[in-house]
Amino acid sequence: VQMDDAKATREFFVKNNVDIAHEVTMEGESVIF
């Protein structure tokens, strides 16, 4: 899924207790699994 704001998306996941499996920056793109 393409997101427009990695920081806001991550904050939403944390706030909603979403299980974050992996985070990485690849070729300048923020990736959150």
PDB file of all heavy atoms in Angstrom:
ATOM      1  N   VAL A   1       0.851  -1.175   0.000  1.00  0.00           N
ATOM      2  CA  VAL A   1       0.000   0.000   0.000  1.00  0.00           C
ATOM      3  C   VAL A   1       0.894   1.235   0.000  1.00  0.00           C
ATOM      4  O   VAL A   1       1.855   1.297   0.772  1.00  0.00           O
ATOM      5  CB  VAL A   1      -0.894  -0.001   1.264  1.00  0.00           C
ATOM      6  CG1 VAL A   1      -1.756   1.234   1.329  1.00  0.00           C
ATOM      7  CG2 VAL A   1      -1.736  -1.274   1.338  1.00  0.00           C
ATOM      8  N   GLN A   2       0.592   2.192  -0.846  1.00  0.00           N
ATOM      9  CA  GLN A   2       1.356   3.440  -0.835  1.00  0.00           C
ATOM     10  C   GLN A   2       0.763   4.362   0.218  1.00  0.00           C
ATOM     11  O   GLN A   2      -0.451   4.522   0.318  1.00  0.00           O
ATOM     12  CB  GLN A   2       1.311   4.113  -2.199  1.00  0.00           C
ATOM     13  CG  GLN A   2       2.175   5.363  -2.259  1.00  0.00           C
ATOM     14  CD  GLN A   2       2.233   5.959  -3.653  1.00  0.00           C
ATOM     15  OE1 GLN A   2       1.762   5.374  -4.621  1.00  0.00           O
ATOM     16  NE2 GLN A   2       2.811   7.142  -3.750  1.00  0.00           N
ATOM     17  N   MET A   3       1.635   4.953   1.031  1.00  0.00           N
ATOM     18  CA  MET A   3       1.204   5.922   2.048  1.00  0.00           C
ATOM     19  C   MET A   3       1.822   7.266   1.726  1.00  0.00           C
ATOM     20  O   MET A   3       2.854   7.343   1.068  1.00  0.00           O
ATOM     21  CB  MET A   3       1.597   5.445   3.451  1.00  0.00           C
ATOM     22  CG  MET A   3       3.072   5.206   3.652  1.00  0.00           C
ATOM     23  SD  MET A   3       3.437   4.543   5.287  1.00  0.00           S
ATOM     24  CE  MET A   3       5.125   3.958   5.013  1.00  0.00           C
ATOM     25  N   ASP A   4       1.189   8.334   2.208  1.00  0.00           N
ATOM     26  CA  ASP A   4       1.720   9.663   1.913  1.00  0.00           C
ATOM     27  C   ASP A   4       2.546  10.239   3.055  1.00  0.00           C
ATOM     28  O   ASP A   4       3.260  11.217   2.858  1.00  0.00           O
ATOM     29  CB  ASP A   4       0.597  10.632   1.520  1.00  0.00           C
ATOM     30  CG  ASP A   4      -0.431  10.833   2.618  1.00  0.00           C
ATOM     31  OD1 ASP A   4      -0.294  10.243   3.710  1.00  0.00           O
ATOM     32  OD2 ASP A   4      -1.391  11.583   2.382  1.00  0.00           O
ATOM     33  N   ASP A   5       2.479   9.628   4.253  1.00  0.00           N
ATOM     34  CA  ASP A   5       3.192  10.165   5.410  1.00  0.00           C
ATOM     35  C   ASP A   5       3.587   9.012   6.322  1.00  0.00           C
ATOM     36  O   ASP A   5       2.761   8.508   7.086  1.00  0.00           O
ATOM     37  CB  ASP A   5       2.306  11.166   6.140  1.00  0.00           C
ATOM     38  CG  ASP A   5       3.004  11.889   7.272  1.00  0.00           C
ATOM     39  OD1 ASP A   5       3.940  11.317   7.873  1.00  0.00           O
ATOM     40  OD2 ASP A   5       2.599  13.017   7.583  1.00  0.00           O
ATOM     41  N   ALA A   6       4.840   8.585   6.232  1.00  0.00           N
ATOM     42  CA  ALA A   6       5.305   7.428   7.007  1.00  0.00           C
ATOM     43  C   ALA A   6       5.207   7.679   8.510  1.00  0.00           C
ATOM     44  O   ALA A   6       4.789   6.792   9.268  1.00  0.00           O
ATOM     45  CB  ALA A   6       6.738   7.072   6.624  1.00  0.00           C
ATOM     46  N   LYS A   7       5.578   8.861   8.958  1.00  0.00           N
ATOM     47  CA  LYS A   7       5.559   9.157  10.389  1.00  0.00           C
ATOM     48  C   LYS A   7       4.129   9.117  10.941  1.00  0.00           C
ATOM     49  O   LYS A   7       3.868   8.493  11.971  1.00  0.00           O
ATOM     50  CB  LYS A   7       6.185  10.531  10.663  1.00  0.00           C
ATOM     51  CG  LYS A   7       6.244  10.876  12.128  1.00  0.00           C
ATOM     52  CD  LYS A   7       6.893  12.225  12.368  1.00  0.00           C
ATOM     53  CE  LYS A   7       6.883  12.547  13.867  1.00  0.00           C
ATOM     54  NZ  LYS A   7       7.316  13.899  14.146  1.00  0.00           N
ATOM     55  N   ALA A   8       3.192   9.752  10.260  1.00  0.00           N
ATOM     56  CA  ALA A   8       1.797   9.761  10.704  1.00  0.00           C
ATOM     57  C   ALA A   8       1.195   8.356  10.646  1.00  0.00           C
ATOM     58  O   ALA A   8       0.427   7.971  11.534  1.00  0.00           O
ATOM     59  CB  ALA A   8       0.977  10.728   9.857  1.00  0.00           C
ATOM     60  N   THR A   9       1.541   7.593   9.612  1.00  0.00           N
ATOM     61  CA  THR A   9       1.043   6.222   9.496  1.00  0.00           C
ATOM     62  C   THR A   9       1.554   5.373  10.644  1.00  0.00           C
ATOM     63  O   THR A   9       0.793   4.639  11.272  1.00  0.00           O
ATOM     64  CB  THR A   9       1.457   5.615   8.142  1.00  0.00           C
ATOM     65  OG1 THR A   9       0.920   6.413   7.094  1.00  0.00           O
ATOM     66  CG2 THR A   9       0.956   4.184   7.998  1.00  0.00           C
ATOM     67  N   ARG A  10       2.843   5.486  10.944  1.00  0.00           N
ATOM     68  CA  ARG A  10       3.423   4.734  12.060  1.00  0.00           C
ATOM     69  C   ARG A  10       2.755   5.118  13.379  1.00  0.00           C
ATOM     70  O   ARG A  10       2.419   4.258  14.195  1.00  0.00           O
ATOM     71  CB  ARG A  10       4.923   4.957  12.146  1.00  0.00           C
ATOM     72  CG  ARG A  10       5.570   4.065  13.188  1.00  0.00           C
ATOM     73  CD  ARG A  10       7.042   4.361  13.390  1.00  0.00           C
ATOM     74  NE  ARG A  10       7.684   3.303  14.117  1.00  0.00           N
ATOM     75  CZ  ARG A  10       7.468   3.027  15.408  1.00  0.00           C
ATOM     76  NH1 ARG A  10       6.591   3.736  16.108  1.00  0.00           N
ATOM     77  NH2 ARG A  10       8.093   2.034  15.996  1.00  0.00           N
ATOM     78  N   GLU A  11       2.557   6.407  13.587  1.00  0.00           N
ATOM     79  CA  GLU A  11       1.898   6.870  14.818  1.00  0.00           C
ATOM     80  C   GLU A  11       0.489   6.303  14.933  1.00  0.00           C
ATOM     81  O   GLU A  11       0.057   5.910  16.014  1.00  0.00           O
ATOM     82  CB  GLU A  11       1.871   8.399  14.860  1.00  0.00           C
ATOM     83  CG  GLU A  11       3.228   9.015  15.122  1.00  0.00           C
ATOM     84  CD  GLU A  11       3.263  10.530  14.959  1.00  0.00           C
ATOM     85  OE1 GLU A  11       2.211  11.141  14.623  1.00  0.00           O
ATOM     86  OE2 GLU A  11       4.351  11.106  15.161  1.00  0.00           O
ATOM     87  N   PHE A  12      -0.247   6.255  13.820  1.00  0.00           N
ATOM     88  CA  PHE A  12      -1.583   5.666  13.810  1.00  0.00           C
ATOM     89  C   PHE A  12      -1.522   4.192  14.188  1.00  0.00           C
ATOM     90  O   PHE A  12      -2.335   3.706  14.977  1.00  0.00           O
ATOM     91  CB  PHE A  12      -2.232   5.840  12.428  1.00  0.00           C
ATOM     92  CG  PHE A  12      -3.560   5.150  12.289  1.00  0.00           C
ATOM     93  CD1 PHE A  12      -4.710   5.725  12.794  1.00  0.00           C
ATOM     94  CD2 PHE A  12      -3.641   3.918  11.658  1.00  0.00           C
ATOM     95  CE1 PHE A  12      -5.934   5.080  12.672  1.00  0.00           C
ATOM     96  CE2 PHE A  12      -4.855   3.273  11.520  1.00  0.00           C
ATOM     97  CZ  PHE A  12      -6.014   3.856  12.033  1.00  0.00           C
ATOM     98  N   PHE A  13      -0.550   3.470  13.619  1.00  0.00           N
ATOM     99  CA  PHE A  13      -0.403   2.054  13.946  1.00  0.00           C
ATOM    100  C   PHE A  13      -0.116   1.855  15.431  1.00  0.00           C
ATOM    101  O   PHE A  13      -0.728   1.006  16.084  1.00  0.00           O
ATOM    102  CB  PHE A  13       0.707   1.405  13.111  1.00  0.00           C
ATOM    103  CG  PHE A  13       0.396   1.267  11.643  1.00  0.00           C
ATOM    104  CD1 PHE A  13       1.426   1.198  10.725  1.00  0.00           C
ATOM    105  CD2 PHE A  13      -0.907   1.210  11.176  1.00  0.00           C
ATOM    106  CE1 PHE A  13       1.168   1.055   9.369  1.00  0.00           C
ATOM    107  CE2 PHE A  13      -1.179   1.071   9.826  1.00  0.00           C
ATOM    108  CZ  PHE A  13      -0.137   0.994   8.921  1.00  0.00           C
ATOM    109  N   VAL A  14       0.793   2.626  15.971  1.00  0.00           N
ATOM    110  CA  VAL A  14       1.147   2.504  17.394  1.00  0.00           C
ATOM    111  C   VAL A  14      -0.062   2.820  18.264  1.00  0.00           C
ATOM    112  O   VAL A  14      -0.384   2.071  19.200  1.00  0.00           O
ATOM    113  CB  VAL A  14       2.348   3.410  17.742  1.00  0.00           C
ATOM    114  CG1 VAL A  14       2.560   3.483  19.251  1.00  0.00           C
ATOM    115  CG2 VAL A  14       3.620   2.902  17.050  1.00  0.00           C
ATOM    116  N   LYS A  15      -0.760   3.907  17.957  1.00  0.00           N
ATOM    117  CA  LYS A  15      -1.945   4.315  18.720  1.00  0.00           C
ATOM    118  C   LYS A  15      -3.016   3.222  18.724  1.00  0.00           C
ATOM    119  O   LYS A  15      -3.740   3.050  19.706  1.00  0.00           O
ATOM    120  CB  LYS A  15      -2.505   5.603  18.127  1.00  0.00           C
ATOM    121  CG  LYS A  15      -3.768   6.102  18.777  1.00  0.00           C
ATOM    122  CD  LYS A  15      -4.263   7.357  18.094  1.00  0.00           C
ATOM    123  CE  LYS A  15      -5.644   7.721  18.578  1.00  0.00           C
ATOM    124  NZ  LYS A  15      -6.257   8.759  17.762  1.00  0.00           N
ATOM    125  N   ASN A  16      -3.117   2.474  17.621  1.00  0.00           N
ATOM    126  CA  ASN A  16      -4.153   1.444  17.475  1.00  0.00           C
ATOM    127  C   ASN A  16      -3.637   0.036  17.716  1.00  0.00           C
ATOM    128  O   ASN A  16      -4.285  -0.943  17.346  1.00  0.00           O
ATOM    129  CB  ASN A  16      -4.800   1.564  16.095  1.00  0.00           C
ATOM    130  CG  ASN A  16      -5.698   2.767  16.016  1.00  0.00           C
ATOM    131  OD1 ASN A  16      -6.824   2.728  16.494  1.00  0.00           O
ATOM    132  ND2 ASN A  16      -5.195   3.858  15.462  1.00  0.00           N
ATOM    133  N   ASN A  17      -2.459  -0.079  18.346  1.00  0.00           N
ATOM    134  CA  ASN A  17      -1.876  -1.376  18.716  1.00  0.00           C
ATOM    135  C   ASN A  17      -1.711  -2.327  17.538  1.00  0.00           C
ATOM    136  O   ASN A  17      -1.877  -3.540  17.674  1.00  0.00           O
ATOM    137  CB  ASN A  17      -2.688  -2.049  19.825  1.00  0.00           C
ATOM    138  CG  ASN A  17      -2.713  -1.216  21.075  1.00  0.00           C
ATOM    139  OD1 ASN A  17      -1.668  -0.745  21.545  1.00  0.00           O
ATOM    140  ND2 ASN A  17      -3.898  -0.994  21.619  1.00  0.00           N
ATOM    141  N   VAL A  18      -1.394  -1.777  16.368  1.00  0.00           N
ATOM    142  CA  VAL A  18      -1.130  -2.603  15.192  1.00  0.00           C
ATOM    143  C   VAL A  18       0.252  -3.231  15.351  1.00  0.00           C
ATOM    144  O   VAL A  18       1.203  -2.579  15.788  1.00  0.00           O
ATOM    145  CB  VAL A  18      -1.204  -1.755  13.900  1.00  0.00           C
ATOM    146  CG1 VAL A  18      -0.758  -2.552  12.688  1.00  0.00           C
ATOM    147  CG2 VAL A  18      -2.614  -1.222  13.714  1.00  0.00           C
ATOM    148  N   ASP A  19       0.356  -4.509  15.010  1.00  0.00           N
ATOM    149  CA  ASP A  19       1.607  -5.255  15.120  1.00  0.00           C
ATOM    150  C   ASP A  19       2.548  -4.838  13.983  1.00  0.00           C
ATOM    151  O   ASP A  19       2.344  -5.212  12.829  1.00  0.00           O
ATOM    152  CB  ASP A  19       1.291  -6.748  15.049  1.00  0.00           C
ATOM    153  CG  ASP A  19       2.504  -7.633  15.233  1.00  0.00           C
ATOM    154  OD1 ASP A  19       3.593  -7.125  15.561  1.00  0.00           O
ATOM    155  OD2 ASP A  19       2.350  -8.857  15.052  1.00  0.00           O
ATOM    156  N   ILE A  20       3.565  -4.038  14.312  1.00  0.00           N
ATOM    157  CA  ILE A  20       4.559  -3.611  13.325  1.00  0.00           C
ATOM    158  C   ILE A  20       5.638  -4.682  13.268  1.00  0.00           C
ATOM    159  O   ILE A  20       6.325  -4.943  14.253  1.00  0.00           O
ATOM    160  CB  ILE A  20       5.157  -2.238  13.684  1.00  0.00           C
ATOM    161  CG1 ILE A  20       4.042  -1.179  13.671  1.00  0.00           C
ATOM    162  CG2 ILE A  20       6.275  -1.870  12.711  1.00  0.00           C
ATOM    163  CD1 ILE A  20       4.481   0.193  14.149  1.00  0.00           C
ATOM    164  N   ALA A  21       5.794  -5.308  12.108  1.00  0.00           N
ATOM    165  CA  ALA A  21       6.713  -6.428  11.944  1.00  0.00           C
ATOM    166  C   ALA A  21       8.128  -5.988  11.577  1.00  0.00           C
ATOM    167  O   ALA A  21       9.103  -6.623  11.983  1.00  0.00           O
ATOM    168  CB  ALA A  21       6.193  -7.389  10.874  1.00  0.00           C
ATOM    169  N   HIS A  22       8.230  -4.912  10.798  1.00  0.00           N
ATOM    170  CA  HIS A  22       9.541  -4.541  10.265  1.00  0.00           C
ATOM    171  C   HIS A  22       9.464  -3.122   9.712  1.00  0.00           C
ATOM    172  O   HIS A  22       8.462  -2.739   9.107  1.00  0.00           O
ATOM    173  CB  HIS A  22       9.915  -5.524   9.140  1.00  0.00           C
ATOM    174  CG  HIS A  22      11.268  -5.345   8.550  1.00  0.00           C
ATOM    175  ND1 HIS A  22      12.418  -5.597   9.229  1.00  0.00           N
ATOM    176  CD2 HIS A  22      11.640  -4.942   7.312  1.00  0.00           C
ATOM    177  CE1 HIS A  22      13.454  -5.360   8.439  1.00  0.00           C
ATOM    178  NE2 HIS A  22      13.005  -4.965   7.274  1.00  0.00           N
ATOM    179  N   GLU A  23      10.527  -2.349   9.908  1.00  0.00           N
ATOM    180  CA  GLU A  23      10.629  -1.011   9.336  1.00  0.00           C
ATOM    181  C   GLU A  23      12.007  -0.860   8.722  1.00  0.00           C
ATOM    182  O   GLU A  23      13.003  -1.289   9.312  1.00  0.00           O
ATOM    183  CB  GLU A  23      10.448   0.060  10.414  1.00  0.00           C
ATOM    184  CG  GLU A  23       9.082   0.069  11.047  1.00  0.00           C
ATOM    185  CD  GLU A  23       8.976   1.109  12.139  1.00  0.00           C
ATOM    186  OE1 GLU A  23       8.824   2.301  11.792  1.00  0.00           O
ATOM    187  OE2 GLU A  23       9.056   0.735  13.317  1.00  0.00           O
ATOM    188  N   VAL A  24      12.043  -0.240   7.558  1.00  0.00           N
ATOM    189  CA  VAL A  24      13.320  -0.074   6.875  1.00  0.00           C
ATOM    190  C   VAL A  24      13.191   1.095   5.887  1.00  0.00           C
ATOM    191  O   VAL A  24      12.088   1.432   5.461  1.00  0.00           O
ATOM    192  CB  VAL A  24      13.739  -1.378   6.146  1.00  0.00           C
ATOM    193  CG1 VAL A  24      12.794  -1.711   5.010  1.00  0.00           C
ATOM    194  CG2 VAL A  24      15.173  -1.325   5.674  1.00  0.00           C
ATOM    195  N   THR A  25      14.316   1.700   5.553  1.00  0.00           N
ATOM    196  CA  THR A  25      14.360   2.670   4.461  1.00  0.00           C
ATOM    197  C   THR A  25      15.132   2.011   3.328  1.00  0.00           C
ATOM    198  O   THR A  25      16.258   1.541   3.530  1.00  0.00           O
ATOM    199  CB  THR A  25      15.054   3.974   4.902  1.00  0.00           C
ATOM    200  OG1 THR A  25      14.314   4.532   5.988  1.00  0.00           O
ATOM    201  CG2 THR A  25      15.104   4.968   3.754  1.00  0.00           C
ATOM    202  N   MET A  26      14.515   1.926   2.161  1.00  0.00           N
ATOM    203  CA  MET A  26      15.153   1.321   0.989  1.00  0.00           C
ATOM    204  C   MET A  26      15.050   2.283  -0.178  1.00  0.00           C
ATOM    205  O   MET A  26      13.951   2.738  -0.510  1.00  0.00           O
ATOM    206  CB  MET A  26      14.475  -0.012   0.632  1.00  0.00           C
ATOM    207  CG  MET A  26      14.666  -1.096   1.657  1.00  0.00           C
ATOM    208  SD  MET A  26      14.132  -2.748   1.131  1.00  0.00           S
ATOM    209  CE  MET A  26      12.477  -2.483   0.567  1.00  0.00           C
ATOM    210  N   GLU A  27      16.195   2.601  -0.758  1.00  0.00           N
ATOM    211  CA  GLU A  27      16.255   3.501  -1.905  1.00  0.00           C
ATOM    212  C   GLU A  27      15.493   4.794  -1.636  1.00  0.00           C
ATOM    213  O   GLU A  27      14.767   5.295  -2.495  1.00  0.00           O
ATOM    214  CB  GLU A  27      15.744   2.792  -3.163  1.00  0.00           C
ATOM    215  CG  GLU A  27      16.592   1.573  -3.534  1.00  0.00           C
ATOM    216  CD  GLU A  27      16.124   0.896  -4.804  1.00  0.00           C
ATOM    217  OE1 GLU A  27      15.290   1.473  -5.535  1.00  0.00           O
ATOM    218  OE2 GLU A  27      16.599  -0.208  -5.065  1.00  0.00           O
ATOM    219  N   GLY A  28      15.616   5.308  -0.400  1.00  0.00           N
ATOM    220  CA  GLY A  28      14.984   6.564  -0.025  1.00  0.00           C
ATOM    221  C   GLY A  28      13.514   6.469   0.332  1.00  0.00           C
ATOM    222  O   GLY A  28      12.893   7.489   0.633  1.00  0.00           O
ATOM    223  N   GLU A  29      12.944   5.280   0.294  1.00  0.00           N
ATOM    224  CA  GLU A  29      11.537   5.098   0.626  1.00  0.00           C
ATOM    225  C   GLU A  29      11.400   4.489   2.015  1.00  0.00           C
ATOM    226  O   GLU A  29      12.111   3.549   2.365  1.00  0.00           O
ATOM    227  CB  GLU A  29      10.844   4.183  -0.388  1.00  0.00           C
ATOM    228  CG  GLU A  29      10.835   4.720  -1.790  1.00  0.00           C
ATOM    229  CD  GLU A  29      10.211   3.773  -2.797  1.00  0.00           C
ATOM    230  OE1 GLU A  29      10.096   2.564  -2.513  1.00  0.00           O
ATOM    231  OE2 GLU A  29       9.857   4.260  -3.871  1.00  0.00           O
ATOM    232  N   SER A  30      10.463   5.023   2.812  1.00  0.00           N
ATOM    233  CA  SER A  30      10.146   4.430   4.109  1.00  0.00           C
ATOM    234  C   SER A  30       9.221   3.244   3.877  1.00  0.00           C
ATOM    235  O   SER A  30       8.225   3.360   3.157  1.00  0.00           O
ATOM    236  CB  SER A  30       9.444   5.440   5.017  1.00  0.00           C
ATOM    237  OG  SER A  30      10.326   6.478   5.358  1.00  0.00           O
ATOM    238  N   VAL A  31       9.561   2.115   4.503  1.00  0.00           N
ATOM    239  CA  VAL A  31       8.775   0.899   4.358  1.00  0.00           C
ATOM    240  C   VAL A  31       8.417   0.393   5.757  1.00  0.00           C
ATOM    241  O   VAL A  31       9.285   0.280   6.616  1.00  0.00           O
ATOM    242  CB  VAL A  31       9.555  -0.191   3.591  1.00  0.00           C
ATOM    243  CG1 VAL A  31       8.754  -1.474   3.494  1.00  0.00           C
ATOM    244  CG2 VAL A  31       9.944   0.301   2.202  1.00  0.00           C
ATOM    245  N   ILE A  32       7.130   0.126   5.959  1.00  0.00           N
ATOM    246  CA  ILE A  32       6.647  -0.431   7.214  1.00  0.00           C
ATOM    247  C   ILE A  32       5.840  -1.678   6.886  1.00  0.00           C
ATOM    248  O   ILE A  32       4.887  -1.618   6.111  1.00  0.00           O
ATOM    249  CB  ILE A  32       5.745   0.563   7.976  1.00  0.00           C
ATOM    250  CG1 ILE A  32       6.460   1.885   8.246  1.00  0.00           C
ATOM    251  CG2 ILE A  32       5.240  -0.059   9.276  1.00  0.00           C
ATOM    252  CD1 ILE A  32       5.540   2.980   8.777  1.00  0.00           C
ATOM    253  N   PHE A  33       6.229  -2.804   7.466  1.00  0.00           N
ATOM    254  CA  PHE A  33       5.432  -4.026   7.364  1.00  0.00           C
ATOM    255  C   PHE A  33       4.634  -4.169   8.652  1.00  0.00           C
ATOM    256  O   PHE A  33       5.192  -4.052   9.748  1.00  0.00           O
ATOM    257  CB  PHE A  33       6.319  -5.261   7.208  1.00  0.00           C
ATOM    258  CG  PHE A  33       6.784  -5.523   5.816  1.00  0.00           C
ATOM    259  CD1 PHE A  33       7.970  -4.987   5.358  1.00  0.00           C
ATOM    260  CD2 PHE A  33       6.034  -6.318   4.963  1.00  0.00           C
ATOM    261  CE1 PHE A  33       8.419  -5.241   4.068  1.00  0.00           C
ATOM    262  CE2 PHE A  33       6.471  -6.582   3.672  1.00  0.00           C
ATOM    263  CZ  PHE A  33       7.667  -6.044   3.229  1.00  0.00           C
TER     264      PHE A  33
END
